[in-house]
Structures are given as structure tokens and as C-alpha cells.
Amino acid sequence: MGFGWGLGGPVTTDPATAIPALNEMSNTEAIGSLLYTKYAFLFQMAGLILLVAMIGAIVLTHRARPGVKKQNINDQVRRRRGDAYDIVKVKPGQGLG
């Protein structure tokens, strides 16, 4: 008894033969049935390709770059309201200059 993945038999030329009657199952059930039975290997390969693409995007965006300002969580937590802005009293008729 051998174990392994294999692609299904030959594809029929009539795509309507793979679709069950409307009263037998809903669209969601029909898509799930096709994805997890006949096209399970292709579905898993598509997931693997997307996983590799996601990891590649993370690696490319998290490389060390000089001159980039980094976030300091301790400074943000210790910040007080008075540190965020300055109150300036402007006399009427006078600009901020």
C-alpha cells in the first residue's frame, strides 16, 4: 500500500460535469469539496507559495538600514503631557514670529 499525492485523472472538457446540481449542495460546499478533494495538492502548493512570499517580504523589510529613526517604547511610556507641547501666549495683533 503506497502513500503519496497525485493529481487527479484527466480533466474533462466540459466544466459543468464537476459542478453538482444546485439542490444537492451550496456554492460554498461545492468549492470546498473541490479544493479539499480533487485539487488538494494544488491548494496546498498555492498556500506554500504564499507562505514563502510572506516570509520573503518580512525579511526584506526588516533589514538593518543606517540613519533610520527607531521607536523607543520606554520613552513613549514615560512621556508626560507637558513634554508633548509648549504653551505659548500670543498677544493680540502679534504673530508667532
Protein backbone atom coordinates (compact mmCIF):
# COMPACT_ATOMS: atom_id res chain seq x y z
CA MET A 1 0.00 0.00 0.00
CA GLY A 2 1.62 3.24 -1.12
CA PHE A 3 1.08 6.69 0.26
CA GLY A 4 1.55 9.93 -1.62
CA TRP A 5 -0.04 12.71 -3.54
CA GLY A 6 -1.11 12.55 -7.10
CA LEU A 7 -3.03 14.72 -9.46
CA GLY A 8 -6.50 13.57 -10.43
CA GLY A 9 -7.37 11.86 -13.64
CA PRO A 10 -7.65 13.64 -16.96
CA VAL A 11 -9.57 16.89 -16.97
CA THR A 12 -12.87 16.72 -18.75
CA THR A 13 -13.59 19.19 -21.48
CA ASP A 14 -17.00 20.02 -20.01
CA PRO A 15 -16.51 22.04 -16.79
CA ALA A 16 -20.17 21.61 -15.83
CA THR A 17 -19.59 17.92 -15.04
CA ALA A 18 -17.61 18.85 -11.90
CA ILE A 19 -20.41 21.04 -10.57
CA PRO A 20 -23.19 19.25 -8.68
CA ALA A 21 -26.83 20.18 -9.03
CA LEU A 22 -27.95 23.29 -7.12
CA ASN A 23 -30.32 21.36 -4.87
CA GLU A 24 -27.55 18.95 -3.76
CA MET A 25 -25.14 21.44 -2.18
CA SER A 26 -24.44 25.17 -1.89
CA ASN A 27 -21.71 27.03 -3.77
CA THR A 28 -19.50 27.13 -0.69
CA GLU A 29 -19.80 23.39 -0.15
CA ALA A 30 -19.05 22.71 -3.83
CA ILE A 31 -15.91 24.88 -3.79
CA GLY A 32 -14.74 23.31 -0.53
CA SER A 33 -15.37 19.84 -1.86
CA LEU A 34 -13.32 20.53 -4.99
CA LEU A 35 -10.47 22.24 -3.14
CA TYR A 36 -10.08 19.59 -0.47
CA THR A 37 -10.51 16.51 -2.67
CA LYS A 38 -9.64 16.87 -6.33
CA TYR A 39 -7.34 19.90 -6.08
CA ALA A 40 -5.89 19.36 -2.57
CA PHE A 41 -2.28 19.18 -3.77
CA LEU A 42 -2.57 22.35 -5.87
CA PHE A 43 -4.35 24.13 -3.00
CA GLN A 44 -1.50 23.24 -0.62
CA MET A 45 1.14 24.31 -3.13
CA ALA A 46 -0.58 27.69 -3.53
CA GLY A 47 -0.53 28.07 0.25
CA LEU A 48 3.16 27.18 0.36
CA ILE A 49 3.97 29.75 -2.35
CA LEU A 50 2.07 32.43 -0.41
CA LEU A 51 3.91 31.48 2.81
CA VAL A 52 7.31 31.80 1.11
CA ALA A 53 6.28 35.17 -0.37
CA MET A 54 5.17 36.41 3.06
CA ILE A 55 8.43 35.35 4.72
CA GLY A 56 10.42 36.97 1.90
CA ALA A 57 8.55 40.25 2.34
CA ILE A 58 9.23 40.21 6.09
CA VAL A 59 12.94 39.51 5.58
CA LEU A 60 13.28 42.31 3.01
CA THR A 61 11.56 44.92 5.17
CA HIS A 62 13.41 44.11 8.41
CA ARG A 63 16.96 44.57 7.20
CA ALA A 64 19.24 46.97 9.07
CA ARG A 65 19.33 50.42 7.48
CA PRO A 66 21.59 53.24 8.72
CA GLY A 67 20.08 56.59 9.58
CA VAL A 68 16.59 55.27 10.33
CA LYS A 69 14.97 56.61 13.49
CA LYS A 70 13.89 53.71 15.69
CA GLN A 71 10.98 53.59 18.08
CA ASN A 72 11.82 53.65 21.81
CA ILE A 73 8.92 52.23 23.81
CA ASN A 74 10.37 53.29 27.20
CA ASP A 75 10.47 56.94 26.11
CA GLN A 76 6.88 56.73 24.92
CA VAL A 77 5.63 55.20 28.16
CA ARG A 78 7.49 57.73 30.36
CA ARG A 79 6.30 60.73 28.31
CA ARG A 80 4.15 63.28 30.15
CA ARG A 81 1.59 65.68 28.76
CA GLY A 82 3.88 68.66 29.37
CA ASP A 83 6.60 67.10 27.21
CA ALA A 84 4.30 66.86 24.20
CA TYR A 85 3.67 70.56 23.57
CA ASP A 86 4.61 74.09 24.67
CA ILE A 87 2.05 76.66 25.69
CA VAL A 88 2.80 79.98 24.03
CA LYS A 89 0.92 83.15 24.99
CA VAL A 90 0.46 85.35 21.94
CA LYS A 91 -0.53 88.97 22.40
CA PRO A 92 -3.35 90.22 20.21
CA GLY A 93 -2.14 91.67 16.92
CA GLN A 94 1.20 89.90 17.13
CA GLY A 95 2.17 86.88 15.06
CA LEU A 96 4.16 83.85 16.03
CA GLY A 97 7.47 85.06 14.76
